[in-house]
C-alpha atoms as a PDB file:
ATOM      1  CA  MET A   1     114.281  65.418 214.736  1.00  0.00           C
ATOM      2  CA  LEU A   2     113.460  66.862 217.932  1.00  0.00           C
ATOM      3  CA  ALA A   3     110.112  69.583 218.349  1.00  0.00           C
ATOM      4  CA  GLY A   4     111.061  70.756 214.820  1.00  0.00           C
ATOM      5  CA  ARG A   5     115.105  70.872 215.433  1.00  0.00           C
ATOM      6  CA  PRO A   6     118.027  68.672 213.656  1.00  0.00           C
ATOM      7  CA  THR A   7     119.299  66.940 215.520  1.00  0.00           C
ATOM      8  CA  CYS A   8     123.779  65.608 214.934  1.00  0.00           C
ATOM      9  CA  PRO A   9     124.008  62.319 213.105  1.00  0.00           C
ATOM     10  CA  ARG A  10     127.039  62.031 215.145  1.00  0.00           C
ATOM     11  CA  CYS A  11     126.147  62.677 219.067  1.00  0.00           C
ATOM     12  CA  GLY A  12     122.372  63.086 218.956  1.00  0.00           C
ATOM     13  CA  LEU A  13     122.169  65.914 220.013  1.00  0.00           C
ATOM     14  CA  LEU A  14     120.151  69.119 219.042  1.00  0.00           C
ATOM     15  CA  ILE A  15     121.734  71.453 216.252  1.00  0.00           C
ATOM     16  CA  ASP A  16     121.658  74.881 217.112  1.00  0.00           C
ATOM     17  CA  ALA A  17     120.808  77.853 214.458  1.00  0.00           C
ATOM     18  CA  GLU A  18     124.484  78.067 213.465  1.00  0.00           C
ATOM     19  CA  GLY A  19     124.386  74.352 212.382  1.00  0.00           C
ATOM     20  CA  ARG A  20     126.896  73.418 215.214  1.00  0.00           C
ATOM     21  CA  CYS A  21     125.642  70.904 218.218  1.00  0.00           C
ATOM     22  CA  TYR A  22     128.254  71.298 220.589  1.00  0.00           C
ATOM     23  CA  PRO A  23     132.247  72.835 219.989  1.00  0.00           C
ATOM     24  CA  GLY A  24     133.680  69.748 220.421  1.00  0.00           C
ATOM     25  CA  CYS A  25     131.460  67.188 217.927  1.00  0.00           C
ATOM     26  CA  THR A  26     133.235  66.908 214.968  1.00  0.00           C
ATOM     27  CA  GLY A  27     130.271  65.152 212.968  1.00  0.00           C
ATOM     28  CA  PRO A  28     129.857  66.661 209.661  1.00  0.00           C
ATOM     29  CA  LEU A  29     126.671  69.016 209.479  1.00  0.00           C
ATOM     30  CA  ALA A  30     124.888  70.396 206.027  1.00  0.00           C
ATOM     31  CA  THR A  31     125.238  74.109 206.269  1.00  0.00           C
ATOM     32  CA  VAL A  32     125.173  76.866 204.754  1.00  0.00           C
ATOM     33  CA  ARG A  33     127.477  80.137 205.547  1.00  0.00           C
ATOM     34  CA  CYS A  34     126.208  83.809 205.269  1.00  0.00           C
ATOM     35  CA  GLY A  35     128.167  86.348 203.166  1.00  0.00           C
ATOM     36  CA  GLY A  36     127.048  89.273 205.144  1.00  0.00           C
ATOM     37  CA  CYS A  37     128.585  88.128 208.230  1.00  0.00           C
ATOM     38  CA  TYR A  38     129.979  84.687 207.785  1.00  0.00           C
ATOM     39  CA  LEU A  39     128.003  83.034 210.634  1.00  0.00           C
ATOM     40  CA  LEU A  40     126.307  79.388 210.154  1.00  0.00           C
ATOM     41  CA  ASN A  41     123.111  78.474 209.293  1.00  0.00           C
ATOM     42  CA  LEU A  42     120.691  75.763 208.861  1.00  0.00           C
ATOM     43  CA  PRO A  43     120.577  74.363 205.452  1.00  0.00           C
ATOM     44  CA  ASP A  44     116.677  75.478 205.001  1.00  0.00           C
ATOM     45  CA  ALA A  45     117.603  79.495 206.361  1.00  0.00           C
ATOM     46  CA  GLU A  46     116.418  81.574 203.890  1.00  0.00           C
ATOM     47  CA  ARG A  47     118.300  84.582 205.481  1.00  0.00           C
ATOM     48  CA  CYS A  48     120.727  84.603 208.329  1.00  0.00           C
ATOM     49  CA  ASP A  49     119.606  83.510 212.108  1.00  0.00           C
ATOM     50  CA  GLY A  50     122.441  86.332 213.140  1.00  0.00           C
ATOM     51  CA  CYS A  51     122.740  89.521 210.774  1.00  0.00           C
ATOM     52  CA  GLY A  52     119.112  89.019 208.517  1.00  0.00           C
ATOM     53  CA  HIS A  53     121.257  89.035 204.787  1.00  0.00           C
ATOM     54  CA  GLU A  54     119.569  86.522 202.481  1.00  0.00           C
ATOM     55  CA  LEU A  55     121.293  83.435 202.028  1.00  0.00           C
ATOM     56  CA  GLY A  56     122.803  82.811 198.210  1.00  0.00           C
ATOM     57  CA  LEU A  57     125.771  81.891 197.738  1.00  0.00           C
ATOM     58  CA  GLU A  58     128.169  81.016 199.718  1.00  0.00           C
ATOM     59  CA  PRO A  59     131.658  82.818 199.995  1.00  0.00           C
ATOM     60  CA  ILE A  60     134.930  80.077 199.425  1.00  0.00           C
ATOM     61  CA  ALA A  61     137.022  79.553 202.325  1.00  0.00           C
ATOM     62  CA  GLU A  62     141.158  79.100 201.624  1.00  0.00           C
ATOM     63  CA  PRO A  63     143.238  77.030 203.767  1.00  0.00           C
ATOM     64  CA  ASP A  64     145.120  79.161 206.856  1.00  0.00           C
ATOM     65  CA  ALA A  65     148.530  79.252 208.509  1.00  0.00           C
ATOM     66  CA  LEU A  66     147.178  80.822 211.786  1.00  0.00           C
ATOM     67  CA  ARG A  67     145.798  77.914 214.601  1.00  0.00           C
ATOM     68  CA  CYS A  68     142.554  78.920 216.972  1.00  0.00           C
ATOM     69  CA  SER A  69     143.625  80.664 219.980  1.00  0.00           C
ATOM     70  CA  ASP A  70     141.182  78.400 222.240  1.00  0.00           C
ATOM     71  CA  CYS A  71     141.204  74.795 220.423  1.00  0.00           C
ATOM     72  CA  ASP A  72     144.102  74.779 218.222  1.00  0.00           C
ATOM     73  CA  GLU A  73     142.141  73.999 215.335  1.00  0.00           C
ATOM     74  CA  PRO A  74     143.747  75.522 211.676  1.00  0.00           C
ATOM     75  CA  PHE A  75     140.848  78.492 210.392  1.00  0.00           C
ATOM     76  CA  SER A  76     139.654  78.575 207.097  1.00  0.00           C
ATOM     77  CA  ALA A  77     140.264  81.750 206.037  1.00  0.00           C
ATOM     78  CA  PHE A  78     137.547  84.132 204.245  1.00  0.00           C
ATOM     79  CA  ARG A  79     138.657  86.956 201.533  1.00  0.00           C
ATOM     80  CA  ALA A  80     136.940  90.191 200.815  1.00  0.00           C
ATOM     81  CA  ALA A  81     137.850  93.437 199.441  1.00  0.00           C
ATOM     82  CA  THR A  82     139.093  95.103 203.519  1.00  0.00           C
ATOM     83  CA  GLY A  83     140.566  91.938 204.794  1.00  0.00           C
ATOM     84  CA  LEU A  84     140.347  88.733 206.286  1.00  0.00           C
ATOM     85  CA  LEU A  85     137.832  86.976 208.325  1.00  0.00           C
ATOM     86  CA  ARG A  86     139.377  83.805 210.389  1.00  0.00           C
ATOM     87  CA  ASP A  87     136.545  81.066 211.171  1.00  0.00           C
ATOM     88  CA  CYS A  88     137.541  78.034 213.180  1.00  0.00           C
ATOM     89  CA  GLY A  89     135.227  75.118 212.530  1.00  0.00           C
ATOM     90  CA  ARG A  90     135.849  73.644 216.203  1.00  0.00           C
ATOM     91  CA  CYS A  91     134.809  76.325 218.059  1.00  0.00           C
ATOM     92  CA  GLY A  92     133.135  78.236 216.367  1.00  0.00           C
ATOM     93  CA  GLY A  93     135.737  81.484 217.071  1.00  0.00           C
ATOM     94  CA  GLN A  94     136.471  84.250 215.030  1.00  0.00           C
ATOM     95  CA  LEU A  95     138.746  86.692 214.292  1.00  0.00           C
ATOM     96  CA  VAL A  96     138.274  89.606 212.215  1.00  0.00           C
ATOM     97  CA  ASP A  97     140.669  92.311 210.398  1.00  0.00           C
ATOM     98  CA  HIS A  98     139.920  95.855 212.245  1.00  0.00           C
ATOM     99  CA  ALA A  99     139.177  96.784 208.614  1.00  0.00           C
ATOM    100  CA  LEU A 100     136.942  94.384 207.627  1.00  0.00           C
ATOM    101  CA  LEU A 101     134.845  94.518 210.849  1.00  0.00           C
ATOM    102  CA  ARG A 102     134.362  98.620 210.065  1.00  0.00           C
ATOM    103  CA  ASP A 103     133.334  97.674 206.816  1.00  0.00           C
ATOM    104  CA  LEU A 104     130.704  94.922 208.021  1.00  0.00           C
ATOM    105  CA  LEU A 105     129.623  97.644 210.730  1.00  0.00           C
ATOM    106  CA  GLU A 106     129.166 100.477 208.445  1.00  0.00           C
ATOM    107  CA  ARG A 107     127.379  98.103 205.978  1.00  0.00           C
ATOM    108  CA  ARG A 108     124.357  96.986 208.341  1.00  0.00           C
ATOM    109  CA  GLU A 109     124.370 100.640 210.325  1.00  0.00           C
ATOM    110  CA  SER A 110     123.243 101.819 207.000  1.00  0.00           C
ATOM    111  CA  TYR A 111     121.251  98.647 206.201  1.00  0.00           C
ATOM    112  CA  GLY A 112     119.685  99.405 210.060  1.00  0.00           C
ATOM    113  CA  ALA A 113     119.235 103.109 209.025  1.00  0.00           C
ATOM    114  CA  SER A 114     116.496 102.029 206.225  1.00  0.00           C
ATOM    115  CA  ALA A 115     115.122  98.573 208.109  1.00  0.00           C
ATOM    116  CA  PRO A 116     115.973  98.745 211.503  1.00  0.00           C
ATOM    117  CA  ARG A 117     115.968  95.286 212.882  1.00  0.00           C
ATOM    118  CA  PRO A 118     115.518  95.119 217.030  1.00  0.00           C
ATOM    119  CA  PRO A 119     119.162  93.503 218.497  1.00  0.00           C
ATOM    120  CA  ARG A 120     118.390  89.603 220.027  1.00  0.00           C
ATOM    121  CA  ARG A 121     119.662  90.118 223.459  1.00  0.00           C
ATOM    122  CA  PRO A 122     122.612  87.999 224.328  1.00  0.00           C
ATOM    123  CA  GLU A 123     122.038  84.972 226.157  1.00  0.00           C
ATOM    124  CA  HIS A 124     124.682  85.417 228.476  1.00  0.00           C
ATOM    125  CA  VAL A 125     126.527  87.980 228.943  1.00  0.00           C
ATOM    126  CA  ASP A 126     130.296  86.838 230.928  1.00  0.00           C
ATOM    127  CA  PHE A 127     131.809  90.517 232.165  1.00  0.00           C
ATOM    128  CA  ARG A 128     134.612  88.325 233.723  1.00  0.00           C
ATOM    129  CA  VAL A 129     138.287  88.437 232.853  1.00  0.00           C
ATOM    130  CA  ARG A 130     139.515  86.135 230.337  1.00  0.00           C
ATOM    131  CA  TYR A 131     142.643  86.499 228.344  1.00  0.00           C
ATOM    132  CA  VAL A 132     142.586  85.674 225.187  1.00  0.00           C
ATOM    133  CA  ARG A 133     146.083  85.593 223.568  1.00  0.00           C
ATOM    134  CA  CYS A 134     145.906  86.456 219.386  1.00  0.00           C
ATOM    135  CA  PRO A 135     146.470  83.656 217.176  1.00  0.00           C
ATOM    136  CA  ALA A 136     148.965  85.959 215.303  1.00  0.00           C
ATOM    137  CA  CYS A 137     151.631  87.331 217.634  1.00  0.00           C
ATOM    138  CA  ARG A 138     150.561  85.135 220.857  1.00  0.00           C
ATOM    139  CA  GLN A 139     149.719  88.052 222.718  1.00  0.00           C
ATOM    140  CA  PRO A 140     147.218  88.373 225.285  1.00  0.00           C
ATOM    141  CA  MET A 141     144.358  90.646 224.149  1.00  0.00           C
ATOM    142  CA  ASN A 142     142.155  93.581 225.687  1.00  0.00           C
ATOM    143  CA  ARG A 143     139.052  92.271 226.965  1.00  0.00           C
ATOM    144  CA  LYS A 144     136.172  95.340 226.121  1.00  0.00           C
ATOM    145  CA  ASN A 145     132.503  95.724 226.446  1.00  0.00           C
ATOM    146  CA  PHE A 146     132.135  97.154 222.387  1.00  0.00           C
ATOM    147  CA  ALA A 147     130.694 100.663 222.215  1.00  0.00           C
ATOM    148  CA  GLY A 148     130.798 100.705 226.083  1.00  0.00           C
ATOM    149  CA  LYS A 149     126.843  99.486 226.766  1.00  0.00           C
ATOM    150  CA  SER A 150     126.771  96.840 224.196  1.00  0.00           C
ATOM    151  CA  GLY A 151     126.892  94.084 226.468  1.00  0.00           C
ATOM    152  CA  ILE A 152     128.704  92.477 223.823  1.00  0.00           C
ATOM    153  CA  ILE A 153     132.612  92.215 224.608  1.00  0.00           C
ATOM    154  CA  VAL A 154     135.686  91.563 222.624  1.00  0.00           C
ATOM    155  CA  ASP A 155     138.939  91.313 222.524  1.00  0.00           C
ATOM    156  CA  ILE A 156     141.181  92.979 220.499  1.00  0.00           C
ATOM    157  CA  CYS A 157     144.890  92.981 219.081  1.00  0.00           C
ATOM    158  CA  ARG A 158     145.691  96.538 218.098  1.00  0.00           C
ATOM    159  CA  GLU A 159     147.586  94.891 215.432  1.00  0.00           C
ATOM    160  CA  HIS A 160     145.984  91.576 214.306  1.00  0.00           C
ATOM    161  CA  GLY A 161     142.281  92.537 214.757  1.00  0.00           C
ATOM    162  CA  THR A 162     139.507  91.618 216.831  1.00  0.00           C
ATOM    163  CA  TRP A 163     138.256  88.372 218.142  1.00  0.00           C
ATOM    164  CA  PHE A 164     134.814  86.950 218.479  1.00  0.00           C
ATOM    165  CA  ASP A 165     133.662  84.006 220.355  1.00  0.00           C
ATOM    166  CA  ARG A 166     131.081  81.938 218.868  1.00  0.00           C
ATOM    167  CA  GLY A 167     127.807  83.721 217.846  1.00  0.00           C
ATOM    168  CA  GLU A 168     129.183  87.547 218.997  1.00  0.00           C
ATOM    169  CA  LEU A 169     129.564  88.950 215.735  1.00  0.00           C
ATOM    170  CA  PRO A 170     126.086  88.215 214.463  1.00  0.00           C
ATOM    171  CA  GLN A 171     124.942  89.864 217.862  1.00  0.00           C
ATOM    172  CA  LEU A 172     127.409  93.156 217.149  1.00  0.00           C
ATOM    173  CA  LEU A 173     126.135  93.524 213.781  1.00  0.00           C
ATOM    174  CA  ALA A 174     122.588  93.256 214.922  1.00  0.00           C
ATOM    175  CA  PHE A 175     123.903  95.627 217.355  1.00  0.00           C
ATOM    176  CA  ALA A 176     124.410  97.572 214.802  1.00  0.00           C
ATOM    177  CA  ALA A 177     121.480  97.578 212.012  1.00  0.00           C
ATOM    178  CA  SER A 178     119.038  98.392 215.342  1.00  0.00           C
ATOM    179  CA  GLY A 179     121.155 101.762 215.626  1.00  0.00           C
ATOM    180  CA  GLY A 180     122.899 100.121 218.974  1.00  0.00           C
ATOM    181  CA  ILE A 181     126.540 102.153 217.558  1.00  0.00           C
ATOM    182  CA  ALA A 182     124.628 105.453 216.583  1.00  0.00           C
ATOM    183  CA  ARG A 183     123.155 105.316 220.080  1.00  0.00           C
ATOM    184  CA  ALA A 184     126.598 104.693 221.540  1.00  0.00           C
ATOM    185  CA  ARG A 185     127.676 107.535 219.734  1.00  0.00           C
ATOM    186  CA  GLN A 186     125.748 110.245 220.563  1.00  0.00           C
ATOM    187  CA  GLN A 187     125.741 109.506 223.898  1.00  0.00           C
ATOM    188  CA  GLN A 188     129.567 109.440 224.397  1.00  0.00           C
ATOM    189  CA  ILE A 189     128.662 113.171 222.361  1.00  0.00           C
ATOM    190  CA  GLU A 190     126.273 113.849 225.520  1.00  0.00           C
ATOM    191  CA  ASP A 191     128.704 112.525 228.362  1.00  0.00           C
ATOM    192  CA  GLU A 192     132.055 115.119 226.521  1.00  0.00           C
ATOM    193  CA  GLU A 193     129.739 117.657 226.768  1.00  0.00           C
ATOM    194  CA  ARG A 194     128.205 117.024 230.515  1.00  0.00           C
ATOM    195  CA  SER A 195     131.925 116.417 231.351  1.00  0.00           C
ATOM    196  CA  ARG A 196     132.785 120.152 229.922  1.00  0.00           C
ATOM    197  CA  ARG A 197     129.863 121.633 231.773  1.00  0.00           C
ATOM    198  CA  GLN A 198     130.997 120.591 234.894  1.00  0.00           C
ATOM    199  CA  ALA A 199     134.644 121.708 234.398  1.00  0.00           C
ATOM    200  CA  GLU A 200     133.136 125.017 233.127  1.00  0.00           C
ATOM    201  CA  ILE A 201     131.268 125.236 236.921  1.00  0.00           C
ATOM    202  CA  ALA A 202     134.062 123.498 238.628  1.00  0.00           C
ATOM    203  CA  ARG A 203     136.490 126.121 237.552  1.00  0.00           C
ATOM    204  CA  ASP A 204     133.600 129.215 237.500  1.00  0.00           C
ATOM    205  CA  THR A 205     133.100 128.302 241.629  1.00  0.00           C
ATOM    206  CA  ALA A 206     137.069 127.577 242.252  1.00  0.00           C
ATOM    207  CA  LYS A 207     137.228 131.002 240.709  1.00  0.00           C
ATOM    208  CA  ARG A 208     134.696 133.032 242.781  1.00  0.00           C
ATOM    209  CA  ALA A 209     135.968 131.181 245.802  1.00  0.00           C
ATOM    210  CA  SER A 210     139.622 132.414 245.004  1.00  0.00           C
ATOM    211  CA  VAL A 211     138.083 136.286 245.116  1.00  0.00           C
ATOM    212  CA  VAL A 212     136.012 136.098 248.567  1.00  0.00           C
ATOM    213  CA  VAL A 213     139.170 134.567 249.650  1.00  0.00           C
ATOM    214  CA  THR A 214     141.357 137.319 248.493  1.00  0.00           C
ATOM    215  CA  ALA A 215     139.519 139.489 249.755  1.00  0.00           C
ATOM    216  CA  SER A 216     138.443 138.174 253.668  1.00  0.00           C
ATOM    217  CA  THR A 217     142.637 138.175 252.874  1.00  0.00           C
ATOM    218  CA  TRP A 218     143.086 142.115 252.447  1.00  0.00           C
ATOM    219  CA  GLU A 219     140.283 142.836 255.262  1.00  0.00           C
ATOM    220  CA  ALA A 220     142.396 140.225 257.631  1.00  0.00           C
ATOM    221  CA  ARG A 221     145.413 142.712 256.718  1.00  0.00           C
ATOM    222  CA  ARG A 222     143.746 145.715 256.758  1.00  0.00           C
ATOM    223  CA  ALA A 223     142.358 145.212 260.224  1.00  0.00           C
ATOM    224  CA  ARG A 224     146.229 143.952 261.494  1.00  0.00           C
ATOM    225  CA  GLY A 225     147.097 147.578 260.024  1.00  0.00           C
ATOM    226  CA  ASP A 226     144.626 149.621 262.126  1.00  0.00           C
ATOM    227  CA  ALA A 227     145.114 147.465 265.525  1.00  0.00           C
ATOM    228  CA  VAL A 228     149.237 147.872 264.851  1.00  0.00           C
ATOM    229  CA  LYS A 229     148.322 151.707 264.218  1.00  0.00           C
ATOM    230  CA  GLU A 230     146.547 151.887 267.292  1.00  0.00           C
ATOM    231  CA  LEU A 231     149.244 150.173 269.535  1.00  0.00           C
ATOM    232  CA  LEU A 232     151.660 152.828 268.510  1.00  0.00           C
ATOM    233  CA  GLU A 233     149.310 155.305 269.415  1.00  0.00           C
ATOM    234  CA  LEU A 234     148.709 153.787 272.830  1.00  0.00           C
ATOM    235  CA  LEU A 235     152.689 153.292 273.093  1.00  0.00           C
ATOM    236  CA  TRP A 236     153.329 157.304 272.502  1.00  0.00           C
ATOM    237  CA  GLN A 237     150.366 158.702 275.146  1.00  0.00           C
ATOM    238  CA  ILE A 238     152.650 156.155 277.280  1.00  0.00           C
ATOM    239  CA  THR A 239     155.692 157.575 277.131  1.00  0.00           C
ATOM    240  CA  ARG A 240     154.857 161.278 276.819  1.00  0.00           C
END
């Protein structure tokens, strides 16, 4: 143990708050899995390091036929009323059904409204394009910044769920608990209203410009008509 932090009995490296040292190590570690976000925590933790949920009875894992796209490790599946969360015990990646993710976010958002918790800043945000294949259909997933400005980059398969790299799901739940999704939703409404007003201004400007052009065209035509009339009168006088 170093500076109060435990070390892995297999490789000797420091164990992080999730109870892992590094993805390639397979050493047996004593951990407690959170029933709120399914994150691994150190055995003496009272609350989940990721979402703040009080640790108690652990969710029970089921064997799963799917394998992790990154390291080809079989998933452990955790079943909830609204869907499955699949967790890779080697790299910490997680595949979450859309309905379950929506339920988790709504619960954390509701909890955050009564007991706000500031979000943890991500240690590193990788915006580079990284093509992750869905573990179910093996098709490339769509990579996006969740809620537009969260800084949490997730990979989405429209049919089979959302992929989270190690530690990203707790960050997202903390973002929801801090009111981040509500702020993003309000910002989207304001952006749409601003775009609507700008479009109305552009239409009004174009309309006024059209009226000016029409008036100018009419004046030009009238001026040409007067000139033709004067020319005809001049020719009539000459030919008399």
